[in-house]
Amino acid sequence: MKVGLYAPVGEDTQTPHKQDELYVIVSGSGLFEKEGERHPFTTNDVIFVPAGEHHRFVDFTADFSAWVIFWGVEGGERGAESKVN
């Protein structure tokens, strides 16, 4: 597991990650785009992103920051389940 503070300035240019991840919004608000769909977020929200999904924060306030938590195997929990079956 890895934990870090994520606070992009101006634009979020991240690409899909190999592990599942969780964002805990510390401050700010805006829109979260995942696989082409946009949803509003604000302080104290929690957002889950499965491994490999395209996602980014858009139209966020200047004070935006979030804890990001990466965990599990490459491919995420969905990938691990498919290997067992």
C-alpha atoms as a PDB file:
ATOM      1  CA  MET A   1       0.000   0.000   0.000  1.00  0.00           C
ATOM      2  CA  LYS A   2       1.155   3.532  -0.762  1.00  0.00           C
ATOM      3  CA  VAL A   3      -0.310   6.766   0.597  1.00  0.00           C
ATOM      4  CA  GLY A   4       0.402  10.290  -0.602  1.00  0.00           C
ATOM      5  CA  LEU A   5      -1.049  13.769  -0.775  1.00  0.00           C
ATOM      6  CA  TYR A   6      -2.213  14.667  -4.296  1.00  0.00           C
ATOM      7  CA  ALA A   7      -2.543  18.368  -5.107  1.00  0.00           C
ATOM      8  CA  PRO A   8      -2.245  19.134  -8.841  1.00  0.00           C
ATOM      9  CA  VAL A   9      -1.866  22.768  -9.885  1.00  0.00           C
ATOM     10  CA  GLY A  10      -4.021  23.982 -12.770  1.00  0.00           C
ATOM     11  CA  GLU A  11      -4.516  20.652 -14.557  1.00  0.00           C
ATOM     12  CA  ASP A  12      -4.633  16.985 -13.597  1.00  0.00           C
ATOM     13  CA  THR A  13      -2.688  15.015 -16.199  1.00  0.00           C
ATOM     14  CA  GLN A  14      -2.564  11.602 -14.527  1.00  0.00           C
ATOM     15  CA  THR A  15      -2.901   8.363 -16.451  1.00  0.00           C
ATOM     16  CA  PRO A  16      -4.489   5.049 -15.351  1.00  0.00           C
ATOM     17  CA  HIS A  17      -2.722   3.222 -12.524  1.00  0.00           C
ATOM     18  CA  LYS A  18      -1.958  -0.482 -12.108  1.00  0.00           C
ATOM     19  CA  GLN A  19      -3.461  -0.706  -8.606  1.00  0.00           C
ATOM     20  CA  ASP A  20      -6.879   0.125  -7.168  1.00  0.00           C
ATOM     21  CA  GLU A  21      -6.945   3.539  -5.557  1.00  0.00           C
ATOM     22  CA  LEU A  22      -8.959   5.600  -3.144  1.00  0.00           C
ATOM     23  CA  TYR A  23      -9.064   9.397  -2.933  1.00  0.00           C
ATOM     24  CA  VAL A  24     -10.093  11.154   0.288  1.00  0.00           C
ATOM     25  CA  ILE A  25     -10.762  14.803  -0.518  1.00  0.00           C
ATOM     26  CA  VAL A  26      -8.989  17.018   2.035  1.00  0.00           C
ATOM     27  CA  SER A  27      -9.965  20.407   0.617  1.00  0.00           C
ATOM     28  CA  GLY A  28     -11.557  22.007  -2.392  1.00  0.00           C
ATOM     29  CA  SER A  29     -14.218  20.965  -4.867  1.00  0.00           C
ATOM     30  CA  GLY A  30     -14.695  20.341  -8.560  1.00  0.00           C
ATOM     31  CA  LEU A  31     -15.578  17.528 -10.942  1.00  0.00           C
ATOM     32  CA  PHE A  32     -14.132  14.022 -11.054  1.00  0.00           C
ATOM     33  CA  GLU A  33     -14.064  12.373 -14.466  1.00  0.00           C
ATOM     34  CA  LYS A  34     -13.921   8.570 -14.631  1.00  0.00           C
ATOM     35  CA  GLU A  35     -14.290   6.650 -17.880  1.00  0.00           C
ATOM     36  CA  GLY A  36     -15.901   9.717 -19.516  1.00  0.00           C
ATOM     37  CA  GLU A  37     -18.488  10.430 -16.801  1.00  0.00           C
ATOM     38  CA  ARG A  38     -18.201  13.522 -14.584  1.00  0.00           C
ATOM     39  CA  HIS A  39     -19.366  13.755 -10.983  1.00  0.00           C
ATOM     40  CA  PRO A  40     -19.088  16.656  -8.517  1.00  0.00           C
ATOM     41  CA  PHE A  41     -16.872  16.265  -5.449  1.00  0.00           C
ATOM     42  CA  THR A  42     -16.196  18.336  -2.350  1.00  0.00           C
ATOM     43  CA  THR A  43     -14.253  18.211   0.911  1.00  0.00           C
ATOM     44  CA  ASN A  44     -14.581  14.908   2.840  1.00  0.00           C
ATOM     45  CA  ASP A  45     -15.818  12.910  -0.170  1.00  0.00           C
ATOM     46  CA  VAL A  46     -14.216   9.520  -0.871  1.00  0.00           C
ATOM     47  CA  ILE A  47     -13.733   8.308  -4.455  1.00  0.00           C
ATOM     48  CA  PHE A  48     -12.808   4.765  -5.528  1.00  0.00           C
ATOM     49  CA  VAL A  49     -11.081   4.054  -8.850  1.00  0.00           C
ATOM     50  CA  PRO A  50     -10.474   0.475 -10.019  1.00  0.00           C
ATOM     51  CA  ALA A  51      -7.060  -0.273 -11.494  1.00  0.00           C
ATOM     52  CA  GLY A  52      -6.690   0.642 -15.156  1.00  0.00           C
ATOM     53  CA  GLU A  53      -9.609   3.088 -15.405  1.00  0.00           C
ATOM     54  CA  HIS A  54      -9.071   6.490 -16.994  1.00  0.00           C
ATOM     55  CA  HIS A  55      -9.737   9.251 -14.485  1.00  0.00           C
ATOM     56  CA  ARG A  56      -8.827  12.800 -13.536  1.00  0.00           C
ATOM     57  CA  PHE A  57      -9.977  15.804 -11.563  1.00  0.00           C
ATOM     58  CA  VAL A  58     -11.326  18.714 -13.647  1.00  0.00           C
ATOM     59  CA  ASP A  59     -12.561  22.226 -12.939  1.00  0.00           C
ATOM     60  CA  PHE A  60     -11.199  21.988  -9.386  1.00  0.00           C
ATOM     61  CA  THR A  61     -10.633  24.887  -7.004  1.00  0.00           C
ATOM     62  CA  ALA A  62      -7.137  26.229  -6.311  1.00  0.00           C
ATOM     63  CA  ASP A  63      -7.194  24.764  -2.786  1.00  0.00           C
ATOM     64  CA  PHE A  64      -7.885  21.202  -3.997  1.00  0.00           C
ATOM     65  CA  SER A  65      -5.943  18.386  -2.329  1.00  0.00           C
ATOM     66  CA  ALA A  66      -6.651  14.734  -1.621  1.00  0.00           C
ATOM     67  CA  TRP A  67      -5.051  11.785   0.103  1.00  0.00           C
ATOM     68  CA  VAL A  68      -4.520   9.058  -2.464  1.00  0.00           C
ATOM     69  CA  ILE A  69      -4.198   5.449  -1.354  1.00  0.00           C
ATOM     70  CA  PHE A  70      -2.945   2.747  -3.729  1.00  0.00           C
ATOM     71  CA  TRP A  71      -3.240  -0.887  -2.664  1.00  0.00           C
ATOM     72  CA  GLY A  72      -3.350  -4.476  -3.822  1.00  0.00           C
ATOM     73  CA  VAL A  73      -2.012  -6.398  -6.752  1.00  0.00           C
ATOM     74  CA  GLU A  74      -1.393  -5.056 -10.249  1.00  0.00           C
ATOM     75  CA  GLY A  75      -4.673  -5.188 -12.125  1.00  0.00           C
ATOM     76  CA  GLY A  76      -6.622  -4.490  -8.944  1.00  0.00           C
ATOM     77  CA  GLU A  77      -9.046  -6.670  -7.073  1.00  0.00           C
ATOM     78  CA  ARG A  78     -11.055  -7.332 -10.248  1.00  0.00           C
ATOM     79  CA  GLY A  79      -7.923  -8.682 -11.912  1.00  0.00           C
ATOM     80  CA  ALA A  80      -7.142 -10.864  -8.897  1.00  0.00           C
ATOM     81  CA  GLU A  81     -10.684 -12.320  -8.915  1.00  0.00           C
ATOM     82  CA  SER A  82     -10.452 -13.263 -12.600  1.00  0.00           C
ATOM     83  CA  LYS A  83      -7.172 -15.124 -11.983  1.00  0.00           C
ATOM     84  CA  VAL A  84      -8.830 -17.287  -9.305  1.00  0.00           C
ATOM     85  CA  ASN A  85     -11.830 -18.284 -11.435  1.00  0.00           C
END
